[in-house]
Amino acid sequence: MIIIAILATLAGIAALCWLLFNLAVFALPLFAGIAVGTWAHDTGAGIPGAVIVGAIAAAMTFGLFQLLLLVARPAWIKLVVVLAFVAPAIVAGYHATLGIVKLTMPSDAWQLAFAVVGAVAVGITAFMRLTMMAPPGPAGQGVAEVS
């Protein structure tokens, strides 16, 4: 019975880590949706109204990201847009990893070290996924023409 509990715990941790890596891309839209939803609730929209307004704000934030990647031509502007979305993912990865390692190790130095490694891993994953969302450059760019 103990073996099954250990395996179930490991499976649960693996599932949460998989969720963290998959959802890190949406850290900024989630934050924007929660911030706008909280504001809507504080101004009297009620819970259903706050959820709807927050969901619309999150969708618009992600839509703005897609639009900026589509419209921006210079690579450095696309990089700035992607990094604006990666930064909250790094913070989320740091705090998620820190929350997990606080349960398993008593040393504050090792907790910090593992949290930083987790933040870097989540940041790299988010960066890779966001750059895959960027549309390719114009066809024939960088190709020499023979006249």
C-alpha atoms as a PDB file:
ATOM      1  CA  MET A   1       0.000   0.000   0.000  1.00  0.00           C
ATOM      2  CA  ILE A   2       2.888   2.356   0.780  1.00  0.00           C
ATOM      3  CA  ILE A   3       4.419   1.693  -2.645  1.00  0.00           C
ATOM      4  CA  ILE A   4       1.153   2.715  -4.321  1.00  0.00           C
ATOM      5  CA  ALA A   5       1.040   5.936  -2.258  1.00  0.00           C
ATOM      6  CA  ILE A   6       4.623   6.805  -3.209  1.00  0.00           C
ATOM      7  CA  LEU A   7       3.947   6.148  -6.893  1.00  0.00           C
ATOM      8  CA  ALA A   8       0.740   8.193  -6.742  1.00  0.00           C
ATOM      9  CA  THR A   9       2.619  11.052  -5.098  1.00  0.00           C
ATOM     10  CA  LEU A  10       5.319  10.974  -7.762  1.00  0.00           C
ATOM     11  CA  ALA A  11       2.656  10.882 -10.475  1.00  0.00           C
ATOM     12  CA  GLY A  12       0.930  13.868  -8.868  1.00  0.00           C
ATOM     13  CA  ILE A  13       4.178  15.847  -8.710  1.00  0.00           C
ATOM     14  CA  ALA A  14       4.923  14.967 -12.339  1.00  0.00           C
ATOM     15  CA  ALA A  15       1.421  16.075 -13.370  1.00  0.00           C
ATOM     16  CA  LEU A  16       1.795  19.391 -11.541  1.00  0.00           C
ATOM     17  CA  CYS A  17       5.200  20.019 -13.118  1.00  0.00           C
ATOM     18  CA  TRP A  18       3.761  19.214 -16.557  1.00  0.00           C
ATOM     19  CA  LEU A  19       0.918  21.681 -15.860  1.00  0.00           C
ATOM     20  CA  LEU A  20       3.402  24.325 -14.730  1.00  0.00           C
ATOM     21  CA  PHE A  21       5.446  24.009 -17.915  1.00  0.00           C
ATOM     22  CA  ASN A  22       2.360  24.060 -20.128  1.00  0.00           C
ATOM     23  CA  LEU A  23       0.663  26.970 -18.403  1.00  0.00           C
ATOM     24  CA  ALA A  24       3.760  29.141 -17.917  1.00  0.00           C
ATOM     25  CA  VAL A  25       3.168  30.630 -21.361  1.00  0.00           C
ATOM     26  CA  PHE A  26      -0.101  32.095 -20.120  1.00  0.00           C
ATOM     27  CA  ALA A  27       1.258  33.678 -16.899  1.00  0.00           C
ATOM     28  CA  LEU A  28       0.916  37.275 -18.140  1.00  0.00           C
ATOM     29  CA  PRO A  29      -2.604  36.867 -19.575  1.00  0.00           C
ATOM     30  CA  LEU A  30      -3.640  35.106 -16.353  1.00  0.00           C
ATOM     31  CA  PHE A  31      -2.230  37.935 -14.257  1.00  0.00           C
ATOM     32  CA  ALA A  32      -3.939  40.541 -16.434  1.00  0.00           C
ATOM     33  CA  GLY A  33      -7.236  38.662 -16.229  1.00  0.00           C
ATOM     34  CA  ILE A  34      -7.030  38.344 -12.444  1.00  0.00           C
ATOM     35  CA  ALA A  35      -6.091  42.017 -12.037  1.00  0.00           C
ATOM     36  CA  VAL A  36      -8.933  43.253 -14.246  1.00  0.00           C
ATOM     37  CA  GLY A  37     -11.377  40.757 -12.720  1.00  0.00           C
ATOM     38  CA  THR A  38     -10.460  41.918  -9.219  1.00  0.00           C
ATOM     39  CA  TRP A  39     -10.921  45.519 -10.289  1.00  0.00           C
ATOM     40  CA  ALA A  40     -14.321  44.673 -11.803  1.00  0.00           C
ATOM     41  CA  HIS A  41     -15.384  42.907  -8.613  1.00  0.00           C
ATOM     42  CA  ASP A  42     -14.270  45.853  -6.488  1.00  0.00           C
ATOM     43  CA  THR A  43     -16.301  48.241  -8.629  1.00  0.00           C
ATOM     44  CA  GLY A  44     -19.469  46.196  -8.084  1.00  0.00           C
ATOM     45  CA  ALA A  45     -19.633  43.811 -11.049  1.00  0.00           C
ATOM     46  CA  GLY A  46     -20.224  40.804  -8.799  1.00  0.00           C
ATOM     47  CA  ILE A  47     -18.549  37.447  -9.121  1.00  0.00           C
ATOM     48  CA  PRO A  48     -20.020  36.395 -12.498  1.00  0.00           C
ATOM     49  CA  GLY A  49     -19.275  39.801 -14.003  1.00  0.00           C
ATOM     50  CA  ALA A  50     -15.736  39.792 -12.624  1.00  0.00           C
ATOM     51  CA  VAL A  51     -15.073  36.331 -14.073  1.00  0.00           C
ATOM     52  CA  ILE A  52     -16.394  37.357 -17.485  1.00  0.00           C
ATOM     53  CA  VAL A  53     -14.480  40.646 -17.538  1.00  0.00           C
ATOM     54  CA  GLY A  54     -11.301  38.900 -16.329  1.00  0.00           C
ATOM     55  CA  ALA A  55     -11.598  36.210 -18.997  1.00  0.00           C
ATOM     56  CA  ILE A  56     -12.072  38.841 -21.692  1.00  0.00           C
ATOM     57  CA  ALA A  57      -9.025  40.769 -20.424  1.00  0.00           C
ATOM     58  CA  ALA A  58      -6.903  37.608 -20.421  1.00  0.00           C
ATOM     59  CA  ALA A  59      -8.016  36.735 -23.951  1.00  0.00           C
ATOM     60  CA  MET A  60      -7.333  40.275 -25.149  1.00  0.00           C
ATOM     61  CA  THR A  61      -3.859  40.210 -23.588  1.00  0.00           C
ATOM     62  CA  PHE A  62      -2.983  37.008 -25.402  1.00  0.00           C
ATOM     63  CA  GLY A  63      -4.588  38.335 -28.587  1.00  0.00           C
ATOM     64  CA  LEU A  64      -2.475  41.488 -28.320  1.00  0.00           C
ATOM     65  CA  PHE A  65       0.613  39.287 -27.995  1.00  0.00           C
ATOM     66  CA  GLN A  66      -0.324  37.418 -31.171  1.00  0.00           C
ATOM     67  CA  LEU A  67      -1.049  40.683 -32.990  1.00  0.00           C
ATOM     68  CA  LEU A  68       2.240  42.255 -31.916  1.00  0.00           C
ATOM     69  CA  LEU A  69       4.180  39.223 -33.109  1.00  0.00           C
ATOM     70  CA  LEU A  70       2.350  39.337 -36.423  1.00  0.00           C
ATOM     71  CA  VAL A  71       2.740  43.077 -37.034  1.00  0.00           C
ATOM     72  CA  ALA A  72       6.241  43.712 -35.638  1.00  0.00           C
ATOM     73  CA  ARG A  73       8.916  43.468 -38.297  1.00  0.00           C
ATOM     74  CA  PRO A  74      12.259  43.975 -36.497  1.00  0.00           C
ATOM     75  CA  ALA A  75      13.452  40.936 -34.596  1.00  0.00           C
ATOM     76  CA  TRP A  76      14.364  42.996 -31.531  1.00  0.00           C
ATOM     77  CA  ILE A  77      10.759  44.180 -31.119  1.00  0.00           C
ATOM     78  CA  LYS A  78       9.540  40.583 -31.319  1.00  0.00           C
ATOM     79  CA  LEU A  79      12.165  39.657 -28.734  1.00  0.00           C
ATOM     80  CA  VAL A  80      10.958  42.415 -26.395  1.00  0.00           C
ATOM     81  CA  VAL A  81       7.352  41.238 -26.766  1.00  0.00           C
ATOM     82  CA  VAL A  82       8.314  37.615 -26.069  1.00  0.00           C
ATOM     83  CA  LEU A  83      10.441  38.632 -23.069  1.00  0.00           C
ATOM     84  CA  ALA A  84       7.505  40.612 -21.669  1.00  0.00           C
ATOM     85  CA  PHE A  85       5.593  37.323 -21.611  1.00  0.00           C
ATOM     86  CA  VAL A  86       8.543  35.244 -20.379  1.00  0.00           C
ATOM     87  CA  ALA A  87       9.264  37.409 -17.308  1.00  0.00           C
ATOM     88  CA  PRO A  88       6.035  36.496 -15.454  1.00  0.00           C
ATOM     89  CA  ALA A  89       6.604  32.852 -16.390  1.00  0.00           C
ATOM     90  CA  ILE A  90      10.023  33.002 -14.727  1.00  0.00           C
ATOM     91  CA  VAL A  91       8.492  34.456 -11.571  1.00  0.00           C
ATOM     92  CA  ALA A  92       5.769  31.793 -11.589  1.00  0.00           C
ATOM     93  CA  GLY A  93       8.359  29.058 -12.083  1.00  0.00           C
ATOM     94  CA  TYR A  94      10.450  30.385  -9.204  1.00  0.00           C
ATOM     95  CA  HIS A  95       7.541  30.465  -6.779  1.00  0.00           C
ATOM     96  CA  ALA A  96       6.144  27.102  -7.871  1.00  0.00           C
ATOM     97  CA  THR A  97       9.535  25.422  -7.483  1.00  0.00           C
ATOM     98  CA  LEU A  98      10.128  27.151  -4.162  1.00  0.00           C
ATOM     99  CA  GLY A  99       6.762  25.916  -2.914  1.00  0.00           C
ATOM    100  CA  ILE A 100       7.627  22.346  -3.866  1.00  0.00           C
ATOM    101  CA  VAL A 101      11.139  22.329  -2.406  1.00  0.00           C
ATOM    102  CA  LYS A 102      10.034  23.945   0.861  1.00  0.00           C
ATOM    103  CA  LEU A 103       8.145  20.715   1.506  1.00  0.00           C
ATOM    104  CA  THR A 104      11.162  18.506   0.869  1.00  0.00           C
ATOM    105  CA  MET A 105      14.346  20.190   2.137  1.00  0.00           C
ATOM    106  CA  PRO A 106      15.124  22.233   5.241  1.00  0.00           C
ATOM    107  CA  SER A 107      18.134  24.216   3.953  1.00  0.00           C
ATOM    108  CA  ASP A 108      17.230  27.723   2.808  1.00  0.00           C
ATOM    109  CA  ALA A 109      20.279  27.918   0.539  1.00  0.00           C
ATOM    110  CA  TRP A 110      19.326  24.717  -1.300  1.00  0.00           C
ATOM    111  CA  GLN A 111      15.714  25.839  -1.530  1.00  0.00           C
ATOM    112  CA  LEU A 112      16.861  29.046  -3.205  1.00  0.00           C
ATOM    113  CA  ALA A 113      19.208  27.162  -5.534  1.00  0.00           C
ATOM    114  CA  PHE A 114      16.513  24.750  -6.674  1.00  0.00           C
ATOM    115  CA  ALA A 115      13.993  27.578  -7.039  1.00  0.00           C
ATOM    116  CA  VAL A 116      16.372  29.486  -9.313  1.00  0.00           C
ATOM    117  CA  VAL A 117      17.020  26.364 -11.400  1.00  0.00           C
ATOM    118  CA  GLY A 118      13.253  25.824 -11.662  1.00  0.00           C
ATOM    119  CA  ALA A 119      12.728  29.445 -12.688  1.00  0.00           C
ATOM    120  CA  VAL A 120      15.369  29.155 -15.409  1.00  0.00           C
ATOM    121  CA  ALA A 121      13.868  25.897 -16.683  1.00  0.00           C
ATOM    122  CA  VAL A 122      10.351  27.341 -16.812  1.00  0.00           C
ATOM    123  CA  GLY A 123      11.650  30.533 -18.427  1.00  0.00           C
ATOM    124  CA  ILE A 124      13.480  28.633 -21.156  1.00  0.00           C
ATOM    125  CA  THR A 125      10.438  26.467 -21.803  1.00  0.00           C
ATOM    126  CA  ALA A 126       8.135  29.492 -21.995  1.00  0.00           C
ATOM    127  CA  PHE A 127      10.584  31.280 -24.294  1.00  0.00           C
ATOM    128  CA  MET A 128      10.768  28.312 -26.640  1.00  0.00           C
ATOM    129  CA  ARG A 129       6.995  27.909 -26.772  1.00  0.00           C
ATOM    130  CA  LEU A 130       6.398  31.604 -27.331  1.00  0.00           C
ATOM    131  CA  THR A 131       8.983  31.838 -30.098  1.00  0.00           C
ATOM    132  CA  MET A 132       7.300  28.899 -31.830  1.00  0.00           C
ATOM    133  CA  MET A 133       4.112  31.004 -31.881  1.00  0.00           C
ATOM    134  CA  ALA A 134       5.860  33.785 -33.814  1.00  0.00           C
ATOM    135  CA  PRO A 135       5.079  33.777 -37.522  1.00  0.00           C
ATOM    136  CA  PRO A 136       8.034  33.192 -39.834  1.00  0.00           C
ATOM    137  CA  GLY A 137       9.652  36.092 -41.626  1.00  0.00           C
ATOM    138  CA  PRO A 138       8.829  36.991 -45.221  1.00  0.00           C
ATOM    139  CA  ALA A 139       9.640  34.363 -47.842  1.00  0.00           C
ATOM    140  CA  GLY A 140      12.993  34.801 -49.491  1.00  0.00           C
ATOM    141  CA  GLN A 141      14.423  36.967 -46.733  1.00  0.00           C
ATOM    142  CA  GLY A 142      18.192  36.613 -46.562  1.00  0.00           C
ATOM    143  CA  VAL A 143      18.382  34.751 -49.895  1.00  0.00           C
ATOM    144  CA  ALA A 144      20.550  36.240 -52.609  1.00  0.00           C
ATOM    145  CA  GLU A 145      18.931  36.683 -55.970  1.00  0.00           C
ATOM    146  CA  VAL A 146      20.689  35.898 -59.214  1.00  0.00           C
ATOM    147  CA  SER A 147      19.768  38.302 -62.021  1.00  0.00           C
END
